Every structure is written in structure tokens, then in C-alpha cells.
């Protein structure tokens, strides 16, 4: 099992620096390059398999990233997907170039065999990517409606799993801290079906309380602010359990709870999503939904190769399962 000392050794920094970076300590004065290196090393050391680098085939694909570098560091979900694509491409001798969607107009895509678009795109952005007339696969949302292969994770089943778990433990006041994102071009709010699943299930159980639902941007700062708001507004009525949309948001939420001397999990239980490296290094370590991001990247790569070989391939929507990783933040 990878330890903080392992990460520190590979990154060339102290163990205490690694710990503070993984817990998003804003008071730590380190460069963005150091922070990125530590986070990348922590993620890569989670993977047991190291792909053998195959002889270069001459094929080159473009991975279009929806997130900025800063957003990626605050929510490593997209970084993990990118890593899955790169490792599969490496084993097939395919080279990968990462392109920001914001900068795509300045890139000549003529020499690329296909595009994998990672993130959440609005209709105008989808048409723009399709306008390059290359094999195209999306990761993150279902774009089968537009006729494209898509790979996404099953985020709905875990909501019911988590609610079932809390109810079995006798916890009936369950809150949700969800992320809210917007598309780049049209600034459309991105619909998160987890909030609807949460609401519908608790309505069915006769337990839904709209005051227990909080939404904001992904990242530790937002998680901190939303939990601070919940603590301040709800006081003694603060739910005994929360579902939180990402591990990085949960890190921020833990900070707010600690500042108010609210014990986790004795008073508040937390289960988050993604299982990025920071989840096991948090205090307490996060119970989280493991998302098979590397498999999402690998499957997208496979779908792209199928399109490259067969221009008449029938589009598919692939949904990858998830599983709960039990740690210390929940009973």
C-alpha cells in the first residue's frame, strides 16, 4: 500500500509537505509545479500495473480537456481519466497530445487520427468538435443523442447504496453537498443526476428535507464553504450524515467540521465520490465511491480505435460500475 513517505520520496519533498498538499492546506507556501508534481505522483502510485511502452505506431490522438489546469488540480477525477487514456495508448504505441478546449482554435488537428473529449460539453461545443470530421469519443456524459460514442460512470446506483447504508445504521437525516458545473461556451448549468436520485429516493422514504441539500462548485474551498453554511444555518439540526460530490469537496467539508469541533463520524458521517489519492490520506480517511476512471479512459481509447478501423461503427454509450471503499469517515 502506497504511503505518504513513498509519495514524498518520488516527488522529492518532505512527508509533511505531501500531507499538507494532499489535504489542500492553503497556508502552505509551495509552487504550483511542486503541488502538481506531488498530486500526480500520488495518483500514479495508486496504480499497480505499469504498462509496457510499445513501439510507436505513428498514430496520434488528441485528448481535449474541458477543465483548466487549476480546476484539474482541485478535482483530480479528470486527471485520473487522462492517465487511463495515456497508459492504454502507451501500450498500443499511440502518442497522445492533451489540448485545452479553450485553446483548440489555435491547434492544427490535421495530423491526428481521432479525438477523445473529456468533460461536459454543450451543444455548440459538441458540434464544434464534430466539425473536425474525425473519430470522436466523449468521456463524462452520455452524448449518444448526438450520435457519438460515450463513456461515463454509474453515479446513480451508489446514491441508493449510500442511502441504504445510512438507513440501515438508523440515520434518517441525510444531507447532500453536490457540485455544480457550467459549460465553457454557453455557460449552461450541468445537470447532476445524483441530486435528483437523492431527492427522489428520500421523497419516497418520506425523509427529504430541502434544507439539507447544498450545491456549489467542485473543489475543497467550495466544500468548506458549503459545510460551513450547513453548520451555521442548521445548528443542532445538522444532518448526521452527508453524501458529498467529490473527495476534494469532502476535504474542505472535513476542515469546516474540525473547526467547529464536530466529530467525524461520531456526529457527522461522510461518504464522498471518486476515490482519488487524497481520500485515503485525509483525516479521517474518507469512505468514498471508487470510480474506475482508468477503465473509463481505457474504454474510450478502445472505442476510438474501433471508429478509426470502421467508419460505420454503431455508436455506443458505455456505463462503468463503481464500488464503495469503506474507510474512517463513516460508520
C-alpha atoms as a PDB file:
ATOM      1  CA  UNK A   1       0.000   0.000   0.000  1.00  0.00           C
ATOM      2  CA  UNK A   2       1.401   3.391  -1.008  1.00  0.00           C
ATOM      3  CA  UNK A   3       2.285   5.651   1.928  1.00  0.00           C
ATOM      4  CA  UNK A   4       2.923   9.376   2.262  1.00  0.00           C
ATOM      5  CA  UNK A   5       6.644   8.543   2.603  1.00  0.00           C
ATOM      6  CA  UNK A   6       6.516   6.765  -0.781  1.00  0.00           C
ATOM      7  CA  UNK A   7       4.925   9.818  -2.386  1.00  0.00           C
ATOM      8  CA  UNK A   8       7.435  12.147  -0.704  1.00  0.00           C
ATOM      9  CA  UNK A   9      10.386  10.089  -1.904  1.00  0.00           C
ATOM     10  CA  UNK A  10       9.161  10.002  -5.513  1.00  0.00           C
ATOM     11  CA  UNK A  11       8.255  13.700  -5.527  1.00  0.00           C
ATOM     12  CA  UNK A  12      11.470  14.814  -3.810  1.00  0.00           C
ATOM     13  CA  UNK A  13       9.772  16.675  -0.947  1.00  0.00           C
ATOM     14  CA  UNK A  14       9.181  16.059   2.750  1.00  0.00           C
ATOM     15  CA  UNK A  15       6.399  13.842   4.073  1.00  0.00           C
ATOM     16  CA  UNK A  16       4.862  16.800   5.902  1.00  0.00           C
ATOM     17  CA  UNK A  17       4.739  18.788   2.641  1.00  0.00           C
ATOM     18  CA  UNK A  18       2.989  15.881   0.927  1.00  0.00           C
ATOM     19  CA  UNK A  19       0.466  15.611   3.748  1.00  0.00           C
ATOM     20  CA  UNK A  20      -0.346  19.320   3.632  1.00  0.00           C
ATOM     21  CA  UNK A  21      -0.666  19.348  -0.172  1.00  0.00           C
ATOM     22  CA  UNK A  22      -2.947  16.300  -0.179  1.00  0.00           C
ATOM     23  CA  UNK A  23      -5.125  17.987   2.419  1.00  0.00           C
ATOM     24  CA  UNK A  24      -5.235  21.236   0.415  1.00  0.00           C
ATOM     25  CA  UNK A  25      -3.599  23.294   3.174  1.00  0.00           C
ATOM     26  CA  UNK A  26      -3.915  26.856   1.878  1.00  0.00           C
ATOM     27  CA  UNK A  27      -1.278  28.120   4.330  1.00  0.00           C
ATOM     28  CA  UNK A  28       1.466  26.017   2.709  1.00  0.00           C
ATOM     29  CA  UNK A  29       3.751  28.132   0.530  1.00  0.00           C
ATOM     30  CA  UNK A  30       4.794  25.889  -2.371  1.00  0.00           C
ATOM     31  CA  UNK A  31       4.923  26.483  -6.114  1.00  0.00           C
ATOM     32  CA  UNK A  32       2.166  25.237  -8.404  1.00  0.00           C
ATOM     33  CA  UNK A  33       4.747  22.984 -10.075  1.00  0.00           C
ATOM     34  CA  UNK A  34       5.560  21.303  -6.752  1.00  0.00           C
ATOM     35  CA  UNK A  35       1.894  20.934  -5.898  1.00  0.00           C
ATOM     36  CA  UNK A  36       1.141  19.408  -9.293  1.00  0.00           C
ATOM     37  CA  UNK A  37       4.095  17.016  -9.027  1.00  0.00           C
ATOM     38  CA  UNK A  38       3.003  15.741  -5.612  1.00  0.00           C
ATOM     39  CA  UNK A  39      -0.603  15.233  -6.720  1.00  0.00           C
ATOM     40  CA  UNK A  40       0.444  13.489  -9.930  1.00  0.00           C
ATOM     41  CA  UNK A  41       2.881  11.193  -8.100  1.00  0.00           C
ATOM     42  CA  UNK A  42       0.216  10.318  -5.518  1.00  0.00           C
ATOM     43  CA  UNK A  43      -2.240   9.382  -8.260  1.00  0.00           C
ATOM     44  CA  UNK A  44       0.241   7.360 -10.313  1.00  0.00           C
ATOM     45  CA  UNK A  45       1.431   5.384  -7.289  1.00  0.00           C
ATOM     46  CA  UNK A  46      -2.148   4.168  -6.796  1.00  0.00           C
ATOM     47  CA  UNK A  47      -1.895   2.133  -9.992  1.00  0.00           C
ATOM     48  CA  UNK A  48      -0.330  -1.301  -9.572  1.00  0.00           C
ATOM     49  CA  UNK A  49       0.047  -2.082 -13.252  1.00  0.00           C
ATOM     50  CA  UNK A  50       2.699  -0.253 -15.225  1.00  0.00           C
ATOM     51  CA  UNK A  51       2.132  -0.588 -18.982  1.00  0.00           C
ATOM     52  CA  UNK A  52       4.969  -1.631 -21.215  1.00  0.00           C
ATOM     53  CA  UNK A  53       5.775   1.048 -23.725  1.00  0.00           C
ATOM     54  CA  UNK A  54       5.191  -0.380 -27.200  1.00  0.00           C
ATOM     55  CA  UNK A  55       6.954   0.627 -30.375  1.00  0.00           C
ATOM     56  CA  UNK A  56       5.452   3.818 -31.759  1.00  0.00           C
ATOM     57  CA  UNK A  57       2.881   3.112 -34.466  1.00  0.00           C
ATOM     58  CA  UNK A  58       2.866   6.645 -35.833  1.00  0.00           C
ATOM     59  CA  UNK A  59      -0.769   7.088 -34.787  1.00  0.00           C
ATOM     60  CA  UNK A  60      -1.524  10.216 -32.806  1.00  0.00           C
ATOM     61  CA  UNK A  61      -4.723  11.141 -30.969  1.00  0.00           C
ATOM     62  CA  UNK A  62      -5.858  14.366 -29.316  1.00  0.00           C
ATOM     63  CA  UNK A  63      -7.337  14.407 -25.823  1.00  0.00           C
ATOM     64  CA  UNK A  64      -9.402  17.566 -25.429  1.00  0.00           C
ATOM     65  CA  UNK A  65      -9.725  18.607 -21.786  1.00  0.00           C
ATOM     66  CA  UNK A  66     -12.683  20.648 -20.629  1.00  0.00           C
ATOM     67  CA  UNK A  67     -11.114  21.641 -17.297  1.00  0.00           C
ATOM     68  CA  UNK A  68      -8.352  24.189 -16.792  1.00  0.00           C
ATOM     69  CA  UNK A  69      -5.094  23.056 -15.147  1.00  0.00           C
ATOM     70  CA  UNK A  70      -6.101  24.730 -11.885  1.00  0.00           C
ATOM     71  CA  UNK A  71      -9.533  23.085 -11.855  1.00  0.00           C
ATOM     72  CA  UNK A  72      -7.920  19.719 -12.594  1.00  0.00           C
ATOM     73  CA  UNK A  73      -5.647  20.037  -9.562  1.00  0.00           C
ATOM     74  CA  UNK A  74      -8.649  20.838  -7.355  1.00  0.00           C
ATOM     75  CA  UNK A  75     -10.593  17.824  -8.666  1.00  0.00           C
ATOM     76  CA  UNK A  76      -8.308  15.001  -9.809  1.00  0.00           C
ATOM     77  CA  UNK A  77     -11.153  12.997 -11.348  1.00  0.00           C
ATOM     78  CA  UNK A  78     -10.298  14.276 -14.825  1.00  0.00           C
ATOM     79  CA  UNK A  79      -6.580  13.747 -14.293  1.00  0.00           C
ATOM     80  CA  UNK A  80      -7.243  10.086 -13.461  1.00  0.00           C
ATOM     81  CA  UNK A  81      -9.205   9.647 -16.695  1.00  0.00           C
ATOM     82  CA  UNK A  82      -6.373  11.233 -18.660  1.00  0.00           C
ATOM     83  CA  UNK A  83      -3.921   8.836 -17.049  1.00  0.00           C
ATOM     84  CA  UNK A  84      -6.092   5.876 -18.102  1.00  0.00           C
ATOM     85  CA  UNK A  85      -6.092   7.061 -21.714  1.00  0.00           C
ATOM     86  CA  UNK A  86      -2.335   7.609 -21.736  1.00  0.00           C
ATOM     87  CA  UNK A  87      -1.457   4.229 -20.247  1.00  0.00           C
ATOM     88  CA  UNK A  88      -3.635   2.367 -22.753  1.00  0.00           C
ATOM     89  CA  UNK A  89      -2.261   4.420 -25.643  1.00  0.00           C
ATOM     90  CA  UNK A  90       1.304   3.785 -24.486  1.00  0.00           C
ATOM     91  CA  UNK A  91       0.764   0.026 -24.558  1.00  0.00           C
ATOM     92  CA  UNK A  92      -0.500   0.332 -28.136  1.00  0.00           C
ATOM     93  CA  UNK A  93       2.291   2.585 -29.378  1.00  0.00           C
ATOM     94  CA  UNK A  94      -0.093   5.510 -29.869  1.00  0.00           C
ATOM     95  CA  UNK A  95       1.035   9.013 -28.917  1.00  0.00           C
ATOM     96  CA  UNK A  96      -1.292  11.376 -27.059  1.00  0.00           C
ATOM     97  CA  UNK A  97      -1.398  15.162 -27.067  1.00  0.00           C
ATOM     98  CA  UNK A  98      -3.517  16.979 -24.497  1.00  0.00           C
ATOM     99  CA  UNK A  99      -5.330  20.087 -25.715  1.00  0.00           C
ATOM    100  CA  UNK A 100      -7.409  22.557 -23.730  1.00  0.00           C
ATOM    101  CA  UNK A 101     -10.800  23.194 -25.321  1.00  0.00           C
ATOM    102  CA  UNK A 102     -10.203  26.899 -24.729  1.00  0.00           C
ATOM    103  CA  UNK A 103      -7.147  26.699 -26.983  1.00  0.00           C
ATOM    104  CA  UNK A 104      -8.401  24.281 -29.615  1.00  0.00           C
ATOM    105  CA  UNK A 105      -8.866  27.007 -32.252  1.00  0.00           C
ATOM    106  CA  UNK A 106      -5.087  27.544 -32.206  1.00  0.00           C
ATOM    107  CA  UNK A 107      -4.251  23.867 -32.794  1.00  0.00           C
ATOM    108  CA  UNK A 108      -3.899  22.181 -36.188  1.00  0.00           C
ATOM    109  CA  UNK A 109      -5.649  18.815 -35.804  1.00  0.00           C
ATOM    110  CA  UNK A 110      -4.907  17.643 -39.342  1.00  0.00           C
ATOM    111  CA  UNK A 111      -2.361  15.015 -38.287  1.00  0.00           C
ATOM    112  CA  UNK A 112      -4.500  13.415 -35.573  1.00  0.00           C
ATOM    113  CA  UNK A 113      -6.343  10.142 -36.136  1.00  0.00           C
ATOM    114  CA  UNK A 114      -9.093  10.887 -33.619  1.00  0.00           C
ATOM    115  CA  UNK A 115     -10.286  12.900 -30.637  1.00  0.00           C
ATOM    116  CA  UNK A 116     -11.255  11.933 -27.091  1.00  0.00           C
ATOM    117  CA  UNK A 117     -13.164  14.784 -25.430  1.00  0.00           C
ATOM    118  CA  UNK A 118     -13.089  14.657 -21.627  1.00  0.00           C
ATOM    119  CA  UNK A 119     -15.646  16.677 -19.681  1.00  0.00           C
ATOM    120  CA  UNK A 120     -19.087  18.170 -20.102  1.00  0.00           C
ATOM    121  CA  UNK A 121     -19.860  19.981 -23.341  1.00  0.00           C
ATOM    122  CA  UNK A 122     -22.840  21.995 -24.530  1.00  0.00           C
ATOM    123  CA  UNK A 123     -24.441  21.582 -27.947  1.00  0.00           C
ATOM    124  CA  UNK A 124     -22.370  24.243 -29.681  1.00  0.00           C
ATOM    125  CA  UNK A 125     -19.148  22.684 -28.356  1.00  0.00           C
ATOM    126  CA  UNK A 126     -20.216  19.209 -29.483  1.00  0.00           C
ATOM    127  CA  UNK A 127     -20.876  20.500 -32.995  1.00  0.00           C
ATOM    128  CA  UNK A 128     -17.535  22.274 -32.982  1.00  0.00           C
ATOM    129  CA  UNK A 129     -15.679  19.075 -32.098  1.00  0.00           C
ATOM    130  CA  UNK A 130     -17.700  17.120 -34.657  1.00  0.00           C
ATOM    131  CA  UNK A 131     -16.743  19.718 -37.258  1.00  0.00           C
ATOM    132  CA  UNK A 132     -13.201  18.347 -37.372  1.00  0.00           C
ATOM    133  CA  UNK A 133     -14.681  15.240 -39.056  1.00  0.00           C
ATOM    134  CA  UNK A 134     -12.557  12.807 -37.106  1.00  0.00           C
ATOM    135  CA  UNK A 135     -13.442   9.776 -34.974  1.00  0.00           C
ATOM    136  CA  UNK A 136     -14.734  11.244 -31.721  1.00  0.00           C
ATOM    137  CA  UNK A 137     -15.445   9.780 -28.275  1.00  0.00           C
ATOM    138  CA  UNK A 138     -16.742  11.618 -25.204  1.00  0.00           C
ATOM    139  CA  UNK A 139     -15.972  10.791 -21.569  1.00  0.00           C
ATOM    140  CA  UNK A 140     -18.086  12.084 -18.701  1.00  0.00           C
ATOM    141  CA  UNK A 141     -21.579  12.451 -20.144  1.00  0.00           C
ATOM    142  CA  UNK A 142     -23.885  10.499 -22.458  1.00  0.00           C
ATOM    143  CA  UNK A 143     -23.780  12.051 -25.950  1.00  0.00           C
ATOM    144  CA  UNK A 144     -25.444   9.167 -27.764  1.00  0.00           C
ATOM    145  CA  UNK A 145     -28.235  11.633 -28.588  1.00  0.00           C
ATOM    146  CA  UNK A 146     -25.773  13.386 -30.902  1.00  0.00           C
ATOM    147  CA  UNK A 147     -24.581  10.121 -32.432  1.00  0.00           C
ATOM    148  CA  UNK A 148     -21.269   9.757 -30.596  1.00  0.00           C
ATOM    149  CA  UNK A 149     -19.644   7.056 -28.517  1.00  0.00           C
ATOM    150  CA  UNK A 150     -19.697   7.996 -24.834  1.00  0.00           C
ATOM    151  CA  UNK A 151     -18.188   6.592 -21.652  1.00  0.00           C
ATOM    152  CA  UNK A 152     -19.487   7.549 -18.245  1.00  0.00           C
ATOM    153  CA  UNK A 153     -19.510   6.277 -14.691  1.00  0.00           C
ATOM    154  CA  UNK A 154     -22.536   4.967 -12.828  1.00  0.00           C
ATOM    155  CA  UNK A 155     -23.110   7.668 -10.225  1.00  0.00           C
ATOM    156  CA  UNK A 156     -26.759   6.784  -9.607  1.00  0.00           C
ATOM    157  CA  UNK A 157     -26.535   3.300  -8.094  1.00  0.00           C
ATOM    158  CA  UNK A 158     -24.101   4.481  -5.367  1.00  0.00           C
ATOM    159  CA  UNK A 159     -26.576   7.118  -4.165  1.00  0.00           C
ATOM    160  CA  UNK A 160     -29.039   4.339  -3.371  1.00  0.00           C
ATOM    161  CA  UNK A 161     -26.283   2.196  -1.864  1.00  0.00           C
ATOM    162  CA  UNK A 162     -25.243   5.028   0.444  1.00  0.00           C
ATOM    163  CA  UNK A 163     -28.805   5.879   1.482  1.00  0.00           C
ATOM    164  CA  UNK A 164     -29.479   2.181   2.159  1.00  0.00           C
ATOM    165  CA  UNK A 165     -26.356   2.050   4.322  1.00  0.00           C
ATOM    166  CA  UNK A 166     -27.275   5.122   6.330  1.00  0.00           C
ATOM    167  CA  UNK A 167     -30.850   3.928   6.851  1.00  0.00           C
ATOM    168  CA  UNK A 168     -29.602   0.518   7.973  1.00  0.00           C
ATOM    169  CA  UNK A 169     -27.483   2.310  10.577  1.00  0.00           C
ATOM    170  CA  UNK A 170     -30.554   4.172  11.813  1.00  0.00           C
ATOM    171  CA  UNK A 171     -29.564   7.512  10.254  1.00  0.00           C
ATOM    172  CA  UNK A 172     -32.565   9.212   8.646  1.00  0.00           C
ATOM    173  CA  UNK A 173     -31.331  12.810   8.377  1.00  0.00           C
ATOM    174  CA  UNK A 174     -29.115  12.678   5.298  1.00  0.00           C
ATOM    175  CA  UNK A 175     -27.644  15.728   3.581  1.00  0.00           C
ATOM    176  CA  UNK A 176     -26.118  16.194   0.150  1.00  0.00           C
ATOM    177  CA  UNK A 177     -23.291  18.527  -0.843  1.00  0.00           C
ATOM    178  CA  UNK A 178     -23.247  18.433  -4.636  1.00  0.00           C
ATOM    179  CA  UNK A 179     -21.057  20.061  -7.240  1.00  0.00           C
ATOM    180  CA  UNK A 180     -22.439  22.471  -9.802  1.00  0.00           C
ATOM    181  CA  UNK A 181     -20.582  22.978 -13.082  1.00  0.00           C
ATOM    182  CA  UNK A 182     -21.151  25.071 -16.208  1.00  0.00           C
ATOM    183  CA  UNK A 183     -20.193  24.546 -19.828  1.00  0.00           C
ATOM    184  CA  UNK A 184     -17.448  26.785 -21.191  1.00  0.00           C
ATOM    185  CA  UNK A 185     -19.142  28.393 -24.194  1.00  0.00           C
ATOM    186  CA  UNK A 186     -22.829  28.788 -23.356  1.00  0.00           C
ATOM    187  CA  UNK A 187     -22.309  28.701 -19.556  1.00  0.00           C
ATOM    188  CA  UNK A 188     -25.150  26.218 -19.225  1.00  0.00           C
ATOM    189  CA  UNK A 189     -25.566  24.631 -15.802  1.00  0.00           C
ATOM    190  CA  UNK A 190     -24.575  20.967 -15.993  1.00  0.00           C
ATOM    191  CA  UNK A 191     -27.301  18.706 -14.678  1.00  0.00           C
ATOM    192  CA  UNK A 192     -26.102  16.311 -11.948  1.00  0.00           C
ATOM    193  CA  UNK A 193     -28.466  13.313 -11.823  1.00  0.00           C
ATOM    194  CA  UNK A 194     -27.162  12.391  -8.368  1.00  0.00           C
ATOM    195  CA  UNK A 195     -29.100  15.273  -6.803  1.00  0.00           C
ATOM    196  CA  UNK A 196     -32.307  14.100  -8.478  1.00  0.00           C
ATOM    197  CA  UNK A 197     -31.716  10.497  -7.410  1.00  0.00           C
ATOM    198  CA  UNK A 198     -31.046  11.660  -3.852  1.00  0.00           C
ATOM    199  CA  UNK A 199     -34.191  13.813  -3.800  1.00  0.00           C
ATOM    200  CA  UNK A 200     -36.452  11.152  -5.349  1.00  0.00           C
ATOM    201  CA  UNK A 201     -35.258   8.397  -3.041  1.00  0.00           C
ATOM    202  CA  UNK A 202     -35.669  10.451   0.123  1.00  0.00           C
ATOM    203  CA  UNK A 203     -39.072  11.733  -1.010  1.00  0.00           C
ATOM    204  CA  UNK A 204     -40.073   8.095  -1.479  1.00  0.00           C
ATOM    205  CA  UNK A 205     -38.859   7.342   2.050  1.00  0.00           C
ATOM    206  CA  UNK A 206     -40.684  10.403   3.430  1.00  0.00           C
ATOM    207  CA  UNK A 207     -37.341  11.843   4.569  1.00  0.00           C
ATOM    208  CA  UNK A 208     -36.471  14.584   2.075  1.00  0.00           C
ATOM    209  CA  UNK A 209     -35.625  17.963   3.590  1.00  0.00           C
ATOM    210  CA  UNK A 210     -34.676  20.682   1.054  1.00  0.00           C
ATOM    211  CA  UNK A 211     -32.662  22.447   3.763  1.00  0.00           C
ATOM    212  CA  UNK A 212     -30.217  19.524   3.720  1.00  0.00           C
ATOM    213  CA  UNK A 213     -29.269  19.980   0.040  1.00  0.00           C
ATOM    214  CA  UNK A 214     -26.317  22.279  -0.797  1.00  0.00           C
ATOM    215  CA  UNK A 215     -24.700  22.914  -4.178  1.00  0.00           C
ATOM    216  CA  UNK A 216     -21.598  24.784  -5.272  1.00  0.00           C
ATOM    217  CA  UNK A 217     -18.502  24.441  -7.403  1.00  0.00           C
ATOM    218  CA  UNK A 218     -16.249  21.401  -7.083  1.00  0.00           C
ATOM    219  CA  UNK A 219     -13.082  21.740  -5.027  1.00  0.00           C
ATOM    220  CA  UNK A 220     -12.002  21.988  -1.384  1.00  0.00           C
ATOM    221  CA  UNK A 221     -12.842  25.682  -0.949  1.00  0.00           C
ATOM    222  CA  UNK A 222     -16.415  25.107  -2.059  1.00  0.00           C
ATOM    223  CA  UNK A 223     -16.732  22.035   0.157  1.00  0.00           C
ATOM    224  CA  UNK A 224     -15.538  24.077   3.111  1.00  0.00           C
ATOM    225  CA  UNK A 225     -17.929  26.957   2.393  1.00  0.00           C
ATOM    226  CA  UNK A 226     -20.945  24.694   1.884  1.00  0.00           C
ATOM    227  CA  UNK A 227     -20.346  22.716   5.085  1.00  0.00           C
ATOM    228  CA  UNK A 228     -19.719  25.964   6.977  1.00  0.00           C
ATOM    229  CA  UNK A 229     -23.058  27.206   5.685  1.00  0.00           C
ATOM    230  CA  UNK A 230     -24.778  23.974   6.723  1.00  0.00           C
ATOM    231  CA  UNK A 231     -23.303  24.185  10.221  1.00  0.00           C
ATOM    232  CA  UNK A 232     -24.228  27.856  10.629  1.00  0.00           C
ATOM    233  CA  UNK A 233     -27.754  27.589   9.226  1.00  0.00           C
ATOM    234  CA  UNK A 234     -28.832  24.228  10.625  1.00  0.00           C
ATOM    235  CA  UNK A 235     -27.111  24.320  14.023  1.00  0.00           C
ATOM    236  CA  UNK A 236     -28.468  21.382  16.097  1.00  0.00           C
ATOM    237  CA  UNK A 237     -30.410  20.155  13.074  1.00  0.00           C
ATOM    238  CA  UNK A 238     -27.202  19.490  11.114  1.00  0.00           C
ATOM    239  CA  UNK A 239     -27.685  16.074   9.462  1.00  0.00           C
ATOM    240  CA  UNK A 240     -25.905  13.103  10.964  1.00  0.00           C
ATOM    241  CA  UNK A 241     -24.777  12.001   7.500  1.00  0.00           C
ATOM    242  CA  UNK A 242     -23.728  13.650   4.253  1.00  0.00           C
ATOM    243  CA  UNK A 243     -23.165  12.451   0.719  1.00  0.00           C
ATOM    244  CA  UNK A 244     -20.523  14.688  -0.895  1.00  0.00           C
ATOM    245  CA  UNK A 245     -19.981  15.004  -4.653  1.00  0.00           C
ATOM    246  CA  UNK A 246     -16.184  14.650  -4.711  1.00  0.00           C
ATOM    247  CA  UNK A 247     -13.278  13.798  -2.427  1.00  0.00           C
ATOM    248  CA  UNK A 248     -11.807  17.281  -2.752  1.00  0.00           C
ATOM    249  CA  UNK A 249     -15.104  18.836  -1.621  1.00  0.00           C
ATOM    250  CA  UNK A 250     -15.118  16.381   1.290  1.00  0.00           C
ATOM    251  CA  UNK A 251     -11.627  17.533   2.315  1.00  0.00           C
ATOM    252  CA  UNK A 252     -12.964  21.076   2.618  1.00  0.00           C
ATOM    253  CA  UNK A 253     -16.048  19.855   4.482  1.00  0.00           C
ATOM    254  CA  UNK A 254     -13.850  17.979   6.981  1.00  0.00           C
ATOM    255  CA  UNK A 255     -11.923  21.186   7.643  1.00  0.00           C
ATOM    256  CA  UNK A 256     -15.128  23.081   8.467  1.00  0.00           C
ATOM    257  CA  UNK A 257     -16.339  20.308  10.776  1.00  0.00           C
ATOM    258  CA  UNK A 258     -12.987  20.190  12.562  1.00  0.00           C
ATOM    259  CA  UNK A 259     -13.010  23.948  13.125  1.00  0.00           C
ATOM    260  CA  UNK A 260     -16.399  23.599  14.814  1.00  0.00           C
ATOM    261  CA  UNK A 261     -15.274  20.574  16.892  1.00  0.00           C
ATOM    262  CA  UNK A 262     -17.848  18.352  15.196  1.00  0.00           C
ATOM    263  CA  UNK A 263     -16.613  14.780  15.331  1.00  0.00           C
ATOM    264  CA  UNK A 264     -16.470  12.589  12.213  1.00  0.00           C
ATOM    265  CA  UNK A 265     -18.012  10.027  12.128  1.00  0.00           C
ATOM    266  CA  UNK A 266     -19.358  10.170  15.718  1.00  0.00           C
ATOM    267  CA  UNK A 267     -21.583  13.182  14.994  1.00  0.00           C
ATOM    268  CA  UNK A 268     -21.449  13.524  11.200  1.00  0.00           C
ATOM    269  CA  UNK A 269     -20.816  10.712   8.717  1.00  0.00           C
ATOM    270  CA  UNK A 270     -19.310  11.475   5.321  1.00  0.00           C
ATOM    271  CA  UNK A 271     -19.216   9.416   2.133  1.00  0.00           C
ATOM    272  CA  UNK A 272     -17.791  11.087  -0.969  1.00  0.00           C
ATOM    273  CA  UNK A 273     -17.082  10.219  -4.608  1.00  0.00           C
ATOM    274  CA  UNK A 274     -14.124   9.366  -6.898  1.00  0.00           C
ATOM    275  CA  UNK A 275     -11.525   7.757  -4.570  1.00  0.00           C
ATOM    276  CA  UNK A 276      -8.618   9.895  -5.722  1.00  0.00           C
ATOM    277  CA  UNK A 277      -5.364   9.562  -3.768  1.00  0.00           C
ATOM    278  CA  UNK A 278      -6.265  12.289  -1.276  1.00  0.00           C
ATOM    279  CA  UNK A 279      -9.195  10.206   0.016  1.00  0.00           C
ATOM    280  CA  UNK A 280      -7.008   7.770   1.951  1.00  0.00           C
ATOM    281  CA  UNK A 281      -4.660  10.489   3.225  1.00  0.00           C
ATOM    282  CA  UNK A 282      -7.426  12.678   4.668  1.00  0.00           C
ATOM    283  CA  UNK A 283      -8.066  12.717   8.403  1.00  0.00           C
ATOM    284  CA  UNK A 284     -10.207  10.815   8.972  1.00  0.00           C
ATOM    285  CA  UNK A 285      -9.641   8.790   5.795  1.00  0.00           C
ATOM    286  CA  UNK A 286     -12.640   9.132   3.513  1.00  0.00           C
ATOM    287  CA  UNK A 287     -15.192   6.465   2.838  1.00  0.00           C
ATOM    288  CA  UNK A 288     -15.745   7.042  -0.858  1.00  0.00           C
ATOM    289  CA  UNK A 289     -17.216   5.695  -4.075  1.00  0.00           C
ATOM    290  CA  UNK A 290     -14.385   4.283  -6.157  1.00  0.00           C
ATOM    291  CA  UNK A 291     -14.833   5.405  -9.762  1.00  0.00           C
ATOM    292  CA  UNK A 292     -12.933   3.279 -12.278  1.00  0.00           C
ATOM    293  CA  UNK A 293     -11.545   6.315 -14.056  1.00  0.00           C
ATOM    294  CA  UNK A 294      -8.623   4.411 -15.561  1.00  0.00           C
ATOM    295  CA  UNK A 295     -11.070   1.923 -17.112  1.00  0.00           C
ATOM    296  CA  UNK A 296     -13.166   4.825 -18.437  1.00  0.00           C
ATOM    297  CA  UNK A 297     -10.062   6.171 -20.185  1.00  0.00           C
ATOM    298  CA  UNK A 298      -9.082   2.748 -21.500  1.00  0.00           C
ATOM    299  CA  UNK A 299     -12.596   2.009 -22.821  1.00  0.00           C
ATOM    300  CA  UNK A 300     -12.752   5.381 -24.566  1.00  0.00           C
ATOM    301  CA  UNK A 301      -9.428   4.640 -26.238  1.00  0.00           C
ATOM    302  CA  UNK A 302     -10.755   1.266 -27.423  1.00  0.00           C
ATOM    303  CA  UNK A 303     -13.918   2.849 -28.823  1.00  0.00           C
ATOM    304  CA  UNK A 304     -11.833   5.413 -30.689  1.00  0.00           C
ATOM    305  CA  UNK A 305      -9.678   2.669 -32.220  1.00  0.00           C
ATOM    306  CA  UNK A 306     -12.828   0.854 -33.335  1.00  0.00           C
ATOM    307  CA  UNK A 307     -14.056   4.018 -35.041  1.00  0.00           C
ATOM    308  CA  UNK A 308     -10.691   4.535 -36.735  1.00  0.00           C
ATOM    309  CA  UNK A 309     -10.876   0.990 -38.157  1.00  0.00           C
ATOM    310  CA  UNK A 310     -14.579   1.158 -39.080  1.00  0.00           C
ATOM    311  CA  UNK A 311     -16.116   4.483 -40.075  1.00  0.00           C
ATOM    312  CA  UNK A 312     -19.586   2.863 -39.961  1.00  0.00           C
ATOM    313  CA  UNK A 313     -19.310   1.699 -36.360  1.00  0.00           C
ATOM    314  CA  UNK A 314     -22.589   1.959 -34.433  1.00  0.00           C
ATOM    315  CA  UNK A 315     -22.293   4.495 -31.563  1.00  0.00           C
ATOM    316  CA  UNK A 316     -22.361   3.140 -28.015  1.00  0.00           C
ATOM    317  CA  UNK A 317     -22.995   4.531 -24.553  1.00  0.00           C
ATOM    318  CA  UNK A 318     -20.831   2.677 -22.040  1.00  0.00           C
ATOM    319  CA  UNK A 319     -21.543   2.960 -18.303  1.00  0.00           C
ATOM    320  CA  UNK A 320     -18.816   1.767 -15.929  1.00  0.00           C
ATOM    321  CA  UNK A 321     -19.753   0.430 -12.494  1.00  0.00           C
ATOM    322  CA  UNK A 322     -18.456   1.764  -9.152  1.00  0.00           C
ATOM    323  CA  UNK A 323     -17.923   0.395  -5.642  1.00  0.00           C
ATOM    324  CA  UNK A 324     -17.828   1.721  -2.089  1.00  0.00           C
ATOM    325  CA  UNK A 325     -14.446   1.895  -0.330  1.00  0.00           C
ATOM    326  CA  UNK A 326     -15.064   1.835   3.436  1.00  0.00           C
ATOM    327  CA  UNK A 327     -12.661   3.929   5.480  1.00  0.00           C
ATOM    328  CA  UNK A 328     -12.951   6.028   8.648  1.00  0.00           C
ATOM    329  CA  UNK A 329     -15.304   8.912   7.825  1.00  0.00           C
ATOM    330  CA  UNK A 330     -18.461   6.821   8.134  1.00  0.00           C
ATOM    331  CA  UNK A 331     -19.789   4.066  10.354  1.00  0.00           C
END
